[in-house]
N, C-alpha and C. Protein backbone atom coordinates (compact mmCIF):
# COMPACT_ATOMS: atom_id res chain seq x y z
N UNK A 1 17.05 42.39 28.32
CA UNK A 1 16.62 42.95 27.04
C UNK A 1 17.28 42.18 25.90
N UNK A 2 16.46 41.88 24.85
CA UNK A 2 16.99 41.08 23.74
C UNK A 2 17.87 41.93 22.83
N UNK A 3 18.89 41.27 22.25
CA UNK A 3 19.71 41.94 21.25
C UNK A 3 18.95 41.97 19.94
N UNK A 4 19.45 42.80 18.99
CA UNK A 4 18.83 42.88 17.66
C UNK A 4 18.86 41.51 17.00
N UNK A 5 19.97 40.79 17.14
CA UNK A 5 20.11 39.46 16.52
C UNK A 5 19.07 38.49 17.07
N UNK A 6 18.88 38.50 18.40
CA UNK A 6 17.90 37.60 19.02
C UNK A 6 16.49 37.94 18.56
N UNK A 7 16.20 39.24 18.49
CA UNK A 7 14.87 39.68 18.03
C UNK A 7 14.63 39.25 16.60
N UNK A 8 15.66 39.36 15.74
CA UNK A 8 15.53 38.96 14.33
C UNK A 8 15.24 37.47 14.22
N UNK A 9 15.93 36.66 15.03
CA UNK A 9 15.70 35.20 15.00
C UNK A 9 14.27 34.90 15.41
N UNK A 10 13.79 35.57 16.46
CA UNK A 10 12.41 35.34 16.93
C UNK A 10 11.42 35.74 15.85
N UNK A 11 11.64 36.89 15.22
CA UNK A 11 10.74 37.34 14.14
C UNK A 11 10.77 36.37 12.97
N UNK A 12 11.97 35.89 12.61
CA UNK A 12 12.09 34.91 11.52
C UNK A 12 11.31 33.64 11.85
N UNK A 13 11.42 33.18 13.09
CA UNK A 13 10.67 31.99 13.52
C UNK A 13 9.17 32.23 13.42
N UNK A 14 8.73 33.42 13.83
CA UNK A 14 7.30 33.75 13.76
C UNK A 14 6.81 33.76 12.32
N UNK A 15 7.60 34.36 11.43
CA UNK A 15 7.23 34.42 10.01
C UNK A 15 7.18 33.01 9.44
N UNK A 16 8.18 32.19 9.78
CA UNK A 16 8.24 30.82 9.28
C UNK A 16 7.02 30.02 9.75
N UNK A 17 6.68 30.17 11.03
CA UNK A 17 5.52 29.47 11.60
C UNK A 17 4.23 29.92 10.92
N UNK A 18 4.10 31.23 10.72
CA UNK A 18 2.90 31.77 10.06
C UNK A 18 2.79 31.24 8.63
N UNK A 19 3.93 31.15 7.95
CA UNK A 19 3.95 30.64 6.58
C UNK A 19 3.51 29.17 6.55
N UNK A 20 4.01 28.38 7.51
CA UNK A 20 3.63 26.96 7.56
C UNK A 20 2.13 26.81 7.79
N UNK A 21 1.59 27.63 8.69
CA UNK A 21 0.15 27.56 8.97
C UNK A 21 -0.66 27.99 7.76
N UNK A 22 -0.18 29.01 7.06
CA UNK A 22 -0.88 29.49 5.86
C UNK A 22 -0.90 28.40 4.80
N UNK A 23 0.22 27.69 4.62
CA UNK A 23 0.28 26.60 3.64
C UNK A 23 -0.70 25.48 4.00
N UNK A 24 -0.80 25.16 5.29
CA UNK A 24 -1.75 24.13 5.72
C UNK A 24 -3.18 24.55 5.41
N UNK A 25 -3.50 25.82 5.68
CA UNK A 25 -4.86 26.31 5.39
C UNK A 25 -5.16 26.24 3.89
N UNK A 26 -4.18 26.59 3.06
CA UNK A 26 -4.37 26.53 1.61
C UNK A 26 -4.61 25.09 1.16
N UNK A 27 -3.86 24.15 1.72
CA UNK A 27 -4.06 22.74 1.38
C UNK A 27 -5.46 22.29 1.78
N UNK A 28 -5.91 22.71 2.95
CA UNK A 28 -7.26 22.34 3.40
C UNK A 28 -8.32 22.86 2.44
N UNK A 29 -8.12 24.10 1.94
CA UNK A 29 -9.08 24.68 0.99
C UNK A 29 -9.12 23.88 -0.31
N UNK A 30 -7.95 23.45 -0.77
CA UNK A 30 -7.89 22.66 -2.01
C UNK A 30 -8.64 21.35 -1.81
N UNK A 31 -8.41 20.69 -0.68
CA UNK A 31 -9.06 19.40 -0.41
C UNK A 31 -10.56 19.58 -0.27
N UNK A 32 -10.98 20.59 0.49
CA UNK A 32 -12.41 20.77 0.77
C UNK A 32 -13.21 21.22 -0.45
N UNK A 33 -12.68 22.21 -1.18
CA UNK A 33 -13.49 22.85 -2.23
C UNK A 33 -12.83 22.90 -3.59
N UNK A 34 -11.61 22.33 -3.73
CA UNK A 34 -10.92 22.43 -5.01
C UNK A 34 -10.59 23.88 -5.35
N UNK A 35 -10.25 24.66 -4.33
CA UNK A 35 -10.02 26.10 -4.47
C UNK A 35 -8.80 26.38 -5.36
N UNK A 36 -9.06 26.93 -6.55
CA UNK A 36 -7.97 27.20 -7.50
C UNK A 36 -7.09 28.36 -7.05
N UNK A 37 -7.68 29.32 -6.34
CA UNK A 37 -6.89 30.44 -5.83
C UNK A 37 -5.88 29.94 -4.79
N UNK A 38 -6.29 28.99 -3.97
CA UNK A 38 -5.38 28.40 -2.98
C UNK A 38 -4.25 27.66 -3.69
N UNK A 39 -4.60 26.91 -4.74
CA UNK A 39 -3.58 26.19 -5.52
C UNK A 39 -2.60 27.18 -6.16
N UNK A 40 -3.16 28.25 -6.71
CA UNK A 40 -2.32 29.27 -7.35
C UNK A 40 -1.33 29.86 -6.35
N UNK A 41 -1.81 30.14 -5.12
CA UNK A 41 -0.93 30.71 -4.10
C UNK A 41 0.22 29.76 -3.76
N UNK A 42 -0.09 28.46 -3.66
CA UNK A 42 0.97 27.48 -3.39
C UNK A 42 1.92 27.36 -4.58
N UNK A 43 1.36 27.41 -5.79
CA UNK A 43 2.17 27.32 -7.01
C UNK A 43 3.16 28.48 -7.07
N UNK A 44 2.65 29.69 -6.81
CA UNK A 44 3.50 30.88 -6.87
C UNK A 44 4.61 30.81 -5.81
N UNK A 45 4.30 30.26 -4.64
CA UNK A 45 5.30 30.15 -3.58
C UNK A 45 6.33 29.06 -3.88
N UNK A 46 5.84 27.84 -4.17
CA UNK A 46 6.75 26.71 -4.30
C UNK A 46 7.39 26.58 -5.69
N UNK A 47 6.71 27.03 -6.74
CA UNK A 47 7.23 26.87 -8.10
C UNK A 47 8.67 27.33 -8.27
N UNK A 48 8.98 28.60 -7.96
CA UNK A 48 10.36 29.07 -8.13
C UNK A 48 11.36 28.34 -7.25
N UNK A 49 10.92 27.93 -6.05
CA UNK A 49 11.82 27.24 -5.13
C UNK A 49 12.15 25.83 -5.66
N UNK A 50 11.14 25.14 -6.18
CA UNK A 50 11.39 23.81 -6.76
C UNK A 50 12.31 23.94 -7.96
N UNK A 51 12.04 24.94 -8.81
CA UNK A 51 12.86 25.12 -10.01
C UNK A 51 14.32 25.39 -9.63
N UNK A 52 14.52 26.28 -8.67
CA UNK A 52 15.89 26.59 -8.24
C UNK A 52 16.58 25.35 -7.69
N UNK A 53 15.84 24.55 -6.94
CA UNK A 53 16.40 23.32 -6.36
C UNK A 53 16.79 22.34 -7.46
N UNK A 54 15.92 22.18 -8.48
CA UNK A 54 16.21 21.26 -9.58
C UNK A 54 17.43 21.71 -10.38
N UNK A 55 17.51 23.01 -10.65
CA UNK A 55 18.66 23.53 -11.40
C UNK A 55 19.94 23.34 -10.59
N UNK A 56 19.86 23.58 -9.30
CA UNK A 56 21.04 23.38 -8.45
C UNK A 56 21.46 21.91 -8.43
N UNK A 57 20.49 21.02 -8.61
CA UNK A 57 20.78 19.59 -8.62
C UNK A 57 21.28 19.13 -9.99
N UNK A 58 21.34 20.05 -10.96
CA UNK A 58 21.91 19.72 -12.26
C UNK A 58 20.94 19.61 -13.41
N UNK A 59 19.67 19.88 -13.17
CA UNK A 59 18.68 19.79 -14.25
C UNK A 59 18.81 20.99 -15.19
N UNK A 60 18.56 20.76 -16.48
CA UNK A 60 18.52 21.86 -17.43
C UNK A 60 17.26 22.68 -17.18
N UNK A 61 17.26 23.91 -17.67
CA UNK A 61 16.14 24.83 -17.45
C UNK A 61 14.79 24.21 -17.86
N UNK A 62 14.73 23.65 -19.05
CA UNK A 62 13.46 23.09 -19.55
C UNK A 62 13.01 21.91 -18.70
N UNK A 63 13.96 21.07 -18.30
CA UNK A 63 13.63 19.91 -17.46
C UNK A 63 13.14 20.39 -16.09
N UNK A 64 13.80 21.41 -15.55
CA UNK A 64 13.38 21.97 -14.26
C UNK A 64 11.95 22.49 -14.35
N UNK A 65 11.64 23.18 -15.46
CA UNK A 65 10.27 23.69 -15.66
C UNK A 65 9.27 22.54 -15.70
N UNK A 66 9.62 21.48 -16.43
CA UNK A 66 8.73 20.31 -16.52
C UNK A 66 8.51 19.68 -15.15
N UNK A 67 9.58 19.59 -14.38
CA UNK A 67 9.47 18.98 -13.06
C UNK A 67 8.60 19.82 -12.12
N UNK A 68 8.71 21.14 -12.24
CA UNK A 68 7.84 22.02 -11.44
C UNK A 68 6.38 21.72 -11.76
N UNK A 69 6.08 21.60 -13.06
CA UNK A 69 4.70 21.32 -13.46
C UNK A 69 4.26 19.95 -12.92
N UNK A 70 5.13 18.96 -13.04
CA UNK A 70 4.79 17.62 -12.53
C UNK A 70 4.50 17.65 -11.03
N UNK A 71 5.38 18.32 -10.29
CA UNK A 71 5.23 18.37 -8.83
C UNK A 71 3.94 19.08 -8.44
N UNK A 72 3.68 20.22 -9.07
CA UNK A 72 2.50 21.00 -8.68
C UNK A 72 1.20 20.33 -9.14
N UNK A 73 1.23 19.62 -10.25
CA UNK A 73 0.03 18.88 -10.67
C UNK A 73 -0.21 17.71 -9.71
N UNK A 74 0.87 17.12 -9.21
CA UNK A 74 0.72 16.06 -8.21
C UNK A 74 0.12 16.64 -6.93
N UNK A 75 0.60 17.82 -6.53
CA UNK A 75 0.03 18.47 -5.35
C UNK A 75 -1.47 18.67 -5.53
N UNK A 76 -1.87 19.15 -6.71
CA UNK A 76 -3.29 19.43 -6.98
C UNK A 76 -4.13 18.14 -6.93
N UNK A 77 -3.64 17.11 -7.60
CA UNK A 77 -4.44 15.89 -7.73
C UNK A 77 -4.39 15.00 -6.48
N UNK A 78 -3.34 15.16 -5.68
CA UNK A 78 -3.20 14.28 -4.51
C UNK A 78 -3.21 15.05 -3.19
N UNK A 79 -3.78 16.25 -3.22
CA UNK A 79 -3.82 17.08 -2.02
C UNK A 79 -4.47 16.35 -0.85
N UNK A 80 -5.44 15.50 -1.15
CA UNK A 80 -6.15 14.76 -0.10
C UNK A 80 -5.24 13.78 0.65
N UNK A 81 -4.07 13.47 0.09
CA UNK A 81 -3.15 12.54 0.74
C UNK A 81 -2.23 13.23 1.75
N UNK A 82 -2.21 14.57 1.73
CA UNK A 82 -1.34 15.31 2.67
C UNK A 82 -1.87 15.16 4.09
N UNK A 83 -0.97 14.84 5.01
CA UNK A 83 -1.33 14.67 6.42
C UNK A 83 -0.54 15.68 7.26
N UNK A 84 -1.22 16.72 7.77
CA UNK A 84 -0.52 17.75 8.56
C UNK A 84 0.24 17.19 9.76
N UNK A 85 -0.26 16.09 10.33
CA UNK A 85 0.40 15.54 11.52
C UNK A 85 1.75 14.89 11.19
N UNK A 86 2.01 14.70 9.90
CA UNK A 86 3.28 14.06 9.51
C UNK A 86 4.35 15.06 9.08
N UNK A 87 4.00 16.34 9.03
CA UNK A 87 5.01 17.34 8.67
C UNK A 87 4.42 18.52 7.93
N UNK A 88 5.28 19.49 7.67
CA UNK A 88 4.87 20.72 6.99
C UNK A 88 4.54 20.44 5.53
N UNK A 89 3.77 21.33 4.93
CA UNK A 89 3.44 21.23 3.51
C UNK A 89 4.73 21.23 2.69
N UNK A 90 5.69 22.08 3.09
CA UNK A 90 6.94 22.17 2.34
C UNK A 90 7.68 20.83 2.33
N UNK A 91 7.66 20.11 3.43
CA UNK A 91 8.30 18.80 3.49
C UNK A 91 7.65 17.84 2.50
N UNK A 92 6.32 17.86 2.46
CA UNK A 92 5.57 17.00 1.54
C UNK A 92 5.88 17.37 0.09
N UNK A 93 5.89 18.67 -0.21
CA UNK A 93 6.14 19.14 -1.58
C UNK A 93 7.55 18.76 -2.02
N UNK A 94 8.55 18.96 -1.14
CA UNK A 94 9.92 18.63 -1.54
C UNK A 94 10.13 17.12 -1.66
N UNK A 95 9.35 16.33 -0.94
CA UNK A 95 9.41 14.88 -1.12
C UNK A 95 8.86 14.50 -2.49
N UNK A 96 7.76 15.13 -2.89
CA UNK A 96 7.19 14.90 -4.23
C UNK A 96 8.23 15.30 -5.28
N UNK A 97 8.89 16.44 -5.06
CA UNK A 97 9.90 16.93 -6.02
C UNK A 97 11.04 15.94 -6.15
N UNK A 98 11.51 15.44 -5.02
CA UNK A 98 12.61 14.46 -5.02
C UNK A 98 12.21 13.22 -5.82
N UNK A 99 11.01 12.72 -5.55
CA UNK A 99 10.55 11.51 -6.25
C UNK A 99 10.35 11.76 -7.74
N UNK A 100 9.83 12.94 -8.08
CA UNK A 100 9.61 13.28 -9.50
C UNK A 100 10.93 13.33 -10.25
N UNK A 101 11.95 13.89 -9.61
CA UNK A 101 13.26 13.98 -10.25
C UNK A 101 13.87 12.59 -10.44
N UNK A 102 13.78 11.76 -9.42
CA UNK A 102 14.31 10.40 -9.53
C UNK A 102 13.59 9.63 -10.62
N UNK A 103 12.25 9.74 -10.66
CA UNK A 103 11.48 9.06 -11.71
C UNK A 103 11.89 9.54 -13.09
N UNK A 104 12.07 10.85 -13.25
CA UNK A 104 12.47 11.40 -14.55
C UNK A 104 13.82 10.86 -14.98
N UNK A 105 14.77 10.81 -14.06
CA UNK A 105 16.11 10.31 -14.39
C UNK A 105 16.09 8.82 -14.71
N UNK A 106 15.28 8.07 -13.99
CA UNK A 106 15.20 6.63 -14.26
C UNK A 106 14.60 6.37 -15.64
N UNK A 107 13.62 7.19 -16.02
CA UNK A 107 12.99 7.00 -17.34
C UNK A 107 13.93 7.37 -18.47
N UNK A 108 14.79 8.37 -18.23
CA UNK A 108 15.65 8.86 -19.31
C UNK A 108 16.75 7.88 -19.67
N UNK A 109 17.43 7.35 -18.68
CA UNK A 109 18.57 6.48 -18.99
C UNK A 109 19.08 5.83 -17.72
N UNK A 110 20.21 5.18 -17.87
CA UNK A 110 20.82 4.58 -16.69
C UNK A 110 21.82 5.55 -16.06
N UNK A 111 21.74 6.84 -16.47
CA UNK A 111 22.69 7.81 -15.94
C UNK A 111 22.52 7.94 -14.43
N UNK A 112 23.64 8.02 -13.69
CA UNK A 112 23.54 8.12 -12.24
C UNK A 112 22.95 9.47 -11.84
N UNK A 113 22.38 9.52 -10.68
CA UNK A 113 21.80 10.79 -10.22
C UNK A 113 22.19 11.03 -8.77
N UNK A 114 22.25 12.30 -8.43
CA UNK A 114 22.49 12.70 -7.05
C UNK A 114 21.14 12.88 -6.39
N UNK A 115 21.00 12.38 -5.20
CA UNK A 115 19.76 12.53 -4.47
C UNK A 115 19.61 13.99 -4.04
N UNK A 116 18.41 14.52 -4.10
CA UNK A 116 18.18 15.90 -3.70
C UNK A 116 18.50 16.13 -2.23
N UNK A 117 18.50 15.05 -1.44
CA UNK A 117 18.85 15.20 -0.02
C UNK A 117 20.28 15.71 0.13
N UNK A 118 21.12 15.44 -0.90
CA UNK A 118 22.51 15.84 -0.83
C UNK A 118 22.76 17.22 -1.42
N UNK A 119 21.70 17.85 -1.92
CA UNK A 119 21.83 19.17 -2.55
C UNK A 119 21.34 20.22 -1.58
N UNK A 120 22.12 21.29 -1.44
CA UNK A 120 21.69 22.36 -0.55
C UNK A 120 20.48 23.06 -1.13
N UNK A 121 19.51 23.37 -0.30
CA UNK A 121 18.34 24.11 -0.77
C UNK A 121 18.77 25.49 -1.22
N UNK A 122 18.11 25.97 -2.27
CA UNK A 122 18.43 27.29 -2.79
C UNK A 122 18.14 28.35 -1.74
N UNK A 123 18.99 29.34 -1.71
CA UNK A 123 18.80 30.42 -0.75
C UNK A 123 17.53 31.18 -1.04
N UNK A 124 16.86 31.60 0.02
CA UNK A 124 15.66 32.42 -0.13
C UNK A 124 16.05 33.77 -0.72
N UNK A 125 17.32 34.10 -0.68
CA UNK A 125 17.79 35.38 -1.20
C UNK A 125 18.28 35.22 -2.63
N UNK A 126 17.68 34.29 -3.39
CA UNK A 126 18.10 34.06 -4.78
C UNK A 126 17.89 35.32 -5.59
N UNK A 127 18.54 35.36 -6.74
CA UNK A 127 18.45 36.50 -7.63
C UNK A 127 16.99 36.93 -7.81
N UNK A 128 16.69 38.16 -7.45
CA UNK A 128 15.30 38.65 -7.42
C UNK A 128 14.66 38.61 -8.80
N UNK A 129 15.40 38.98 -9.82
CA UNK A 129 14.84 39.00 -11.17
C UNK A 129 14.49 37.59 -11.65
N UNK A 130 15.38 36.63 -11.41
CA UNK A 130 15.12 35.25 -11.81
C UNK A 130 13.92 34.69 -11.07
N UNK A 131 13.82 35.00 -9.77
CA UNK A 131 12.70 34.52 -8.97
C UNK A 131 11.39 35.11 -9.45
N UNK A 132 11.42 36.40 -9.78
CA UNK A 132 10.20 37.06 -10.26
C UNK A 132 9.75 36.44 -11.57
N UNK A 133 10.69 36.22 -12.49
CA UNK A 133 10.35 35.62 -13.78
C UNK A 133 9.81 34.21 -13.60
N UNK A 134 10.49 33.41 -12.77
CA UNK A 134 10.03 32.03 -12.53
C UNK A 134 8.66 32.03 -11.89
N UNK A 135 8.43 32.97 -10.98
CA UNK A 135 7.14 33.06 -10.30
C UNK A 135 6.04 33.41 -11.30
N UNK A 136 6.34 34.35 -12.18
CA UNK A 136 5.35 34.74 -13.20
C UNK A 136 5.05 33.56 -14.13
N UNK A 137 6.09 32.83 -14.53
CA UNK A 137 5.89 31.68 -15.40
C UNK A 137 5.06 30.61 -14.70
N UNK A 138 5.41 30.31 -13.46
CA UNK A 138 4.67 29.30 -12.71
C UNK A 138 3.22 29.69 -12.54
N UNK A 139 3.00 30.96 -12.22
CA UNK A 139 1.63 31.45 -12.04
C UNK A 139 0.86 31.34 -13.35
N UNK A 140 1.53 31.70 -14.46
CA UNK A 140 0.89 31.63 -15.77
C UNK A 140 0.48 30.22 -16.13
N UNK A 141 1.37 29.26 -15.86
CA UNK A 141 1.06 27.86 -16.15
C UNK A 141 -0.08 27.36 -15.27
N UNK A 142 -0.02 27.70 -13.98
CA UNK A 142 -1.08 27.26 -13.05
C UNK A 142 -2.44 27.78 -13.50
N UNK A 143 -2.49 29.05 -13.87
CA UNK A 143 -3.75 29.64 -14.30
C UNK A 143 -4.22 28.99 -15.60
N UNK A 144 -3.29 28.81 -16.54
CA UNK A 144 -3.65 28.23 -17.84
C UNK A 144 -4.20 26.82 -17.68
N UNK A 145 -3.57 26.01 -16.83
CA UNK A 145 -4.05 24.64 -16.61
C UNK A 145 -5.39 24.65 -15.89
N UNK A 146 -5.50 25.52 -14.88
CA UNK A 146 -6.75 25.59 -14.11
C UNK A 146 -7.92 26.06 -14.97
N UNK A 147 -7.63 26.87 -16.00
CA UNK A 147 -8.69 27.41 -16.86
C UNK A 147 -9.12 26.45 -17.97
N UNK A 148 -8.42 25.33 -18.12
CA UNK A 148 -8.83 24.36 -19.13
C UNK A 148 -10.20 23.78 -18.76
N UNK A 149 -11.00 23.43 -19.76
CA UNK A 149 -12.25 22.73 -19.44
C UNK A 149 -11.93 21.44 -18.68
N UNK A 150 -12.85 21.04 -17.82
CA UNK A 150 -12.63 19.88 -16.92
C UNK A 150 -12.17 18.64 -17.69
N UNK A 151 -12.82 18.34 -18.83
CA UNK A 151 -12.48 17.12 -19.57
C UNK A 151 -11.05 17.16 -20.10
N UNK A 152 -10.59 18.36 -20.52
CA UNK A 152 -9.22 18.49 -21.02
C UNK A 152 -8.21 18.49 -19.87
N UNK A 153 -8.55 19.19 -18.77
CA UNK A 153 -7.64 19.23 -17.62
C UNK A 153 -7.43 17.83 -17.05
N UNK A 154 -8.50 17.05 -17.03
CA UNK A 154 -8.41 15.68 -16.49
C UNK A 154 -7.41 14.85 -17.31
N UNK A 155 -7.44 15.01 -18.61
CA UNK A 155 -6.52 14.25 -19.47
C UNK A 155 -5.08 14.73 -19.29
N UNK A 156 -4.89 16.05 -19.17
CA UNK A 156 -3.54 16.59 -18.94
C UNK A 156 -2.99 16.07 -17.61
N UNK A 157 -3.84 16.03 -16.57
CA UNK A 157 -3.39 15.52 -15.28
C UNK A 157 -3.02 14.03 -15.36
N UNK A 158 -3.82 13.26 -16.09
CA UNK A 158 -3.50 11.83 -16.26
C UNK A 158 -2.15 11.66 -16.96
N UNK A 159 -1.91 12.51 -17.98
CA UNK A 159 -0.68 12.37 -18.76
C UNK A 159 0.55 12.81 -17.97
N UNK A 160 0.44 13.95 -17.26
CA UNK A 160 1.64 14.51 -16.65
C UNK A 160 1.80 14.20 -15.18
N UNK A 161 0.71 13.99 -14.47
CA UNK A 161 0.84 13.67 -13.05
C UNK A 161 0.97 12.16 -12.87
N UNK A 162 0.10 11.41 -13.56
CA UNK A 162 0.10 9.96 -13.41
C UNK A 162 0.98 9.26 -14.44
N UNK A 163 1.52 10.05 -15.40
CA UNK A 163 2.43 9.52 -16.41
C UNK A 163 1.80 8.37 -17.20
N UNK A 164 0.52 8.54 -17.56
CA UNK A 164 -0.18 7.50 -18.33
C UNK A 164 -0.06 7.78 -19.82
N UNK A 165 -0.02 6.72 -20.60
CA UNK A 165 -0.03 6.87 -22.05
C UNK A 165 -1.45 7.20 -22.50
N UNK A 166 -1.60 7.58 -23.75
CA UNK A 166 -2.94 7.90 -24.26
C UNK A 166 -3.86 6.69 -24.17
N UNK A 167 -3.34 5.52 -24.46
CA UNK A 167 -4.15 4.29 -24.38
C UNK A 167 -4.58 4.02 -22.94
N UNK A 168 -3.66 4.23 -22.00
CA UNK A 168 -3.99 4.02 -20.59
C UNK A 168 -5.03 5.02 -20.10
N UNK A 169 -4.91 6.26 -20.58
CA UNK A 169 -5.89 7.29 -20.22
C UNK A 169 -7.27 6.90 -20.74
N UNK A 170 -7.30 6.45 -22.01
CA UNK A 170 -8.57 6.03 -22.61
C UNK A 170 -9.22 4.92 -21.80
N UNK A 171 -8.42 3.95 -21.38
CA UNK A 171 -8.96 2.84 -20.58
C UNK A 171 -9.43 3.33 -19.22
N UNK A 172 -8.63 4.17 -18.59
CA UNK A 172 -8.97 4.65 -17.25
C UNK A 172 -10.26 5.47 -17.25
N UNK A 173 -10.43 6.33 -18.27
CA UNK A 173 -11.58 7.23 -18.31
C UNK A 173 -12.74 6.67 -19.12
N UNK A 174 -12.56 5.44 -19.62
CA UNK A 174 -13.59 4.80 -20.45
C UNK A 174 -13.98 5.69 -21.64
N UNK A 175 -12.95 6.15 -22.34
CA UNK A 175 -13.16 7.01 -23.51
C UNK A 175 -12.50 6.36 -24.73
N UNK A 176 -13.03 6.66 -25.92
CA UNK A 176 -12.32 6.19 -27.13
C UNK A 176 -10.95 6.87 -27.23
N UNK A 177 -9.98 6.16 -27.77
CA UNK A 177 -8.62 6.70 -27.90
C UNK A 177 -8.63 8.00 -28.70
N UNK A 178 -9.45 8.04 -29.75
CA UNK A 178 -9.55 9.26 -30.57
C UNK A 178 -10.00 10.46 -29.77
N UNK A 179 -10.91 10.27 -28.83
CA UNK A 179 -11.39 11.36 -27.97
C UNK A 179 -10.28 11.87 -27.08
N UNK A 180 -9.50 10.94 -26.52
CA UNK A 180 -8.36 11.33 -25.68
C UNK A 180 -7.37 12.15 -26.49
N UNK A 181 -7.04 11.68 -27.69
CA UNK A 181 -6.07 12.40 -28.54
C UNK A 181 -6.59 13.79 -28.89
N UNK A 182 -7.87 13.86 -29.24
CA UNK A 182 -8.48 15.13 -29.62
C UNK A 182 -8.47 16.12 -28.45
N UNK A 183 -8.86 15.66 -27.27
CA UNK A 183 -8.88 16.55 -26.10
C UNK A 183 -7.47 16.99 -25.71
N UNK A 184 -6.52 16.08 -25.87
CA UNK A 184 -5.14 16.42 -25.54
C UNK A 184 -4.61 17.49 -26.50
N UNK A 185 -4.93 17.33 -27.81
CA UNK A 185 -4.51 18.32 -28.80
C UNK A 185 -5.11 19.69 -28.49
N UNK A 186 -6.40 19.70 -28.15
CA UNK A 186 -7.06 20.96 -27.82
C UNK A 186 -6.42 21.61 -26.59
N UNK A 187 -6.14 20.80 -25.58
CA UNK A 187 -5.53 21.33 -24.35
C UNK A 187 -4.14 21.90 -24.65
N UNK A 188 -3.32 21.17 -25.42
CA UNK A 188 -1.98 21.66 -25.76
C UNK A 188 -2.07 22.98 -26.52
N UNK A 189 -3.01 23.02 -27.46
CA UNK A 189 -3.17 24.22 -28.28
C UNK A 189 -3.52 25.43 -27.40
N UNK A 190 -4.45 25.24 -26.45
CA UNK A 190 -4.83 26.34 -25.55
C UNK A 190 -3.67 26.74 -24.65
N UNK A 191 -2.97 25.74 -24.11
CA UNK A 191 -1.84 26.05 -23.23
C UNK A 191 -0.73 26.78 -23.99
N UNK A 192 -0.48 26.34 -25.22
CA UNK A 192 0.58 26.96 -26.02
C UNK A 192 0.27 28.44 -26.27
N UNK A 193 -1.00 28.71 -26.64
CA UNK A 193 -1.39 30.10 -26.90
C UNK A 193 -1.28 30.94 -25.64
N UNK A 194 -1.72 30.38 -24.50
CA UNK A 194 -1.71 31.15 -23.24
C UNK A 194 -0.29 31.41 -22.76
N UNK A 195 0.63 30.48 -23.07
CA UNK A 195 1.97 30.57 -22.49
C UNK A 195 3.02 31.14 -23.43
N UNK A 196 2.60 31.57 -24.64
CA UNK A 196 3.55 32.12 -25.62
C UNK A 196 4.32 33.30 -25.05
N UNK A 197 3.67 34.07 -24.22
CA UNK A 197 4.28 35.28 -23.66
C UNK A 197 5.52 34.97 -22.82
N UNK A 198 5.62 33.72 -22.30
CA UNK A 198 6.76 33.38 -21.44
C UNK A 198 7.93 32.78 -22.20
N UNK A 199 7.79 32.62 -23.51
CA UNK A 199 8.87 32.00 -24.28
C UNK A 199 9.86 33.01 -24.79
């Protein structure tokens, strides 16, 4: 007969396995149909965890928020690159997070950085109130970005996921620079109004 501890470990393994399978199914939905609800579910799950990891690695709150957005927009735009045979969705997401943080630090200055591999992952038992707030913020941002008109969302993704300048976006999308600037202003304005509640 199993002890309570052994039963708990088995149940934890089952939950973990079910979670991994659920994440794979959500990724498949995003790739197949561009399912925004699937993206939202992944955003709500991973957003607070990425933020906690970034803060633990020394990022300021605002920078951590920006990095969460960068990582999740990369997940959305590059979902087709995820290969289930190479590892769990969480492994892929945390690799994107690690690279996003390194890129951000390289762009900012020559300041040294600690690799996220050397930082302990945040406990799943993190402060419930902070997690709830971060989850609500992440969900709000995901919904706000997903609700942008396609032409504006495309420009936001080019700017924040691909880190392109306005001129580069104009060239890539074959649009006049003025159109890119105008659509970006409109998108920022809509996002600002939608996200005021979280400030």
